[in-house]
Amino acid sequence: VDLLKAVLCGVAFEHRRMIENLKKAGLVVDKIVLTGGASNSENWCQLFSDVLQVPVLINREKESGALGGAILCD
């Protein structure tokens, strides 16, 4: 369990690093939207929110990647 949490924290902190770079470039990040498998875990969403210090929203669309592909094909 500790090893899994360490991996998840590493992923969340890497996202934080990328978001900090985007903020330095002038982008305002006031919320995060999770999709896919990560959005199915309440703990994962909370970890992201804690690390990124912004609200985490969950996309209602479960197959957002497929939906995006379909929209691009239209």
C-alpha atoms as a PDB file:
ATOM      1  CA  VAL A   1       0.000   0.000   0.000  1.00  0.00           C
ATOM      2  CA  ASP A   2       2.810   2.440   0.832  1.00  0.00           C
ATOM      3  CA  LEU A   3       4.548   1.773  -2.476  1.00  0.00           C
ATOM      4  CA  LEU A   4       1.329   2.379  -4.403  1.00  0.00           C
ATOM      5  CA  LYS A   5       0.707   5.638  -2.536  1.00  0.00           C
ATOM      6  CA  ALA A   6       4.281   6.739  -3.279  1.00  0.00           C
ATOM      7  CA  VAL A   7       3.738   6.134  -7.002  1.00  0.00           C
ATOM      8  CA  LEU A   8       0.422   8.025  -6.963  1.00  0.00           C
ATOM      9  CA  CYS A   9       2.017  10.920  -5.078  1.00  0.00           C
ATOM     10  CA  GLY A  10       4.829  11.003  -7.624  1.00  0.00           C
ATOM     11  CA  VAL A  11       2.307  11.287 -10.457  1.00  0.00           C
ATOM     12  CA  ALA A  12       0.397  14.046  -8.648  1.00  0.00           C
ATOM     13  CA  PHE A  13       3.555  16.021  -7.850  1.00  0.00           C
ATOM     14  CA  GLU A  14       4.714  15.750 -11.470  1.00  0.00           C
ATOM     15  CA  HIS A  15       1.376  17.250 -12.537  1.00  0.00           C
ATOM     16  CA  ARG A  16       1.928  20.001  -9.966  1.00  0.00           C
ATOM     17  CA  ARG A  17       5.324  20.763 -11.500  1.00  0.00           C
ATOM     18  CA  MET A  18       3.784  21.032 -14.965  1.00  0.00           C
ATOM     19  CA  ILE A  19       0.963  23.255 -13.704  1.00  0.00           C
ATOM     20  CA  GLU A  20       3.438  25.542 -11.942  1.00  0.00           C
ATOM     21  CA  ASN A  21       5.242  25.964 -15.272  1.00  0.00           C
ATOM     22  CA  LEU A  22       1.948  26.794 -16.989  1.00  0.00           C
ATOM     23  CA  LYS A  23       1.207  29.368 -14.279  1.00  0.00           C
ATOM     24  CA  LYS A  24       4.640  30.956 -14.847  1.00  0.00           C
ATOM     25  CA  ALA A  25       3.657  31.290 -18.502  1.00  0.00           C
ATOM     26  CA  GLY A  26       0.541  33.226 -17.473  1.00  0.00           C
ATOM     27  CA  LEU A  27      -2.124  30.509 -17.467  1.00  0.00           C
ATOM     28  CA  VAL A  28      -4.675  30.699 -14.661  1.00  0.00           C
ATOM     29  CA  VAL A  29      -5.353  27.277 -13.138  1.00  0.00           C
ATOM     30  CA  ASP A  30      -8.299  27.465 -10.775  1.00  0.00           C
ATOM     31  CA  LYS A  31      -9.609  23.913 -11.156  1.00  0.00           C
ATOM     32  CA  ILE A  32      -8.622  20.527 -12.545  1.00  0.00           C
ATOM     33  CA  VAL A  33     -10.849  18.085 -14.412  1.00  0.00           C
ATOM     34  CA  LEU A  34     -10.059  14.379 -14.103  1.00  0.00           C
ATOM     35  CA  THR A  35     -11.302  11.834 -16.607  1.00  0.00           C
ATOM     36  CA  GLY A  36     -10.899   8.129 -17.205  1.00  0.00           C
ATOM     37  CA  GLY A  37      -9.748   5.655 -14.600  1.00  0.00           C
ATOM     38  CA  ALA A  38      -8.395   8.259 -12.200  1.00  0.00           C
ATOM     39  CA  SER A  39     -11.811   9.847 -11.875  1.00  0.00           C
ATOM     40  CA  ASN A  40     -13.263   6.581 -10.536  1.00  0.00           C
ATOM     41  CA  SER A  41     -11.250   6.780  -7.330  1.00  0.00           C
ATOM     42  CA  GLU A  42     -12.323   9.204  -4.616  1.00  0.00           C
ATOM     43  CA  ASN A  43      -8.914   8.845  -2.938  1.00  0.00           C
ATOM     44  CA  TRP A  44      -7.048   9.586  -6.176  1.00  0.00           C
ATOM     45  CA  CYS A  45      -9.161  12.714  -6.783  1.00  0.00           C
ATOM     46  CA  GLN A  46      -8.576  13.886  -3.213  1.00  0.00           C
ATOM     47  CA  LEU A  47      -4.828  13.305  -3.521  1.00  0.00           C
ATOM     48  CA  PHE A  48      -4.744  15.411  -6.704  1.00  0.00           C
ATOM     49  CA  SER A  49      -6.743  18.162  -5.005  1.00  0.00           C
ATOM     50  CA  ASP A  50      -4.449  18.149  -1.967  1.00  0.00           C
ATOM     51  CA  VAL A  51      -1.241  18.224  -4.007  1.00  0.00           C
ATOM     52  CA  LEU A  52      -2.422  20.716  -6.638  1.00  0.00           C
ATOM     53  CA  GLN A  53      -4.284  22.887  -4.109  1.00  0.00           C
ATOM     54  CA  VAL A  54      -7.221  23.460  -6.460  1.00  0.00           C
ATOM     55  CA  PRO A  55     -10.691  21.906  -6.702  1.00  0.00           C
ATOM     56  CA  VAL A  56     -10.861  18.690  -8.719  1.00  0.00           C
ATOM     57  CA  LEU A  57     -13.897  18.147 -10.928  1.00  0.00           C
ATOM     58  CA  ILE A  58     -14.869  14.788 -12.362  1.00  0.00           C
ATOM     59  CA  ASN A  59     -16.021  14.517 -15.959  1.00  0.00           C
ATOM     60  CA  ARG A  60     -19.419  12.834 -16.312  1.00  0.00           C
ATOM     61  CA  GLU A  61     -18.417  11.302 -19.649  1.00  0.00           C
ATOM     62  CA  LYS A  62     -16.725   7.969 -18.898  1.00  0.00           C
ATOM     63  CA  GLU A  63     -15.218   7.607 -22.399  1.00  0.00           C
ATOM     64  CA  SER A  64     -13.966  11.144 -22.929  1.00  0.00           C
ATOM     65  CA  GLY A  65     -11.056  10.025 -25.119  1.00  0.00           C
ATOM     66  CA  ALA A  66     -13.404   8.268 -27.525  1.00  0.00           C
ATOM     67  CA  LEU A  67     -15.765  11.262 -27.455  1.00  0.00           C
ATOM     68  CA  GLY A  68     -12.908  13.622 -28.275  1.00  0.00           C
ATOM     69  CA  GLY A  69     -11.860  11.419 -31.188  1.00  0.00           C
ATOM     70  CA  ALA A  70     -15.411  11.359 -32.500  1.00  0.00           C
ATOM     71  CA  ILE A  71     -15.679  15.151 -32.245  1.00  0.00           C
ATOM     72  CA  LEU A  72     -12.429  15.590 -34.161  1.00  0.00           C
ATOM     73  CA  CYS A  73     -13.675  13.287 -36.923  1.00  0.00           C
ATOM     74  CA  ASP A  74     -16.847  15.300 -37.428  1.00  0.00           C
END
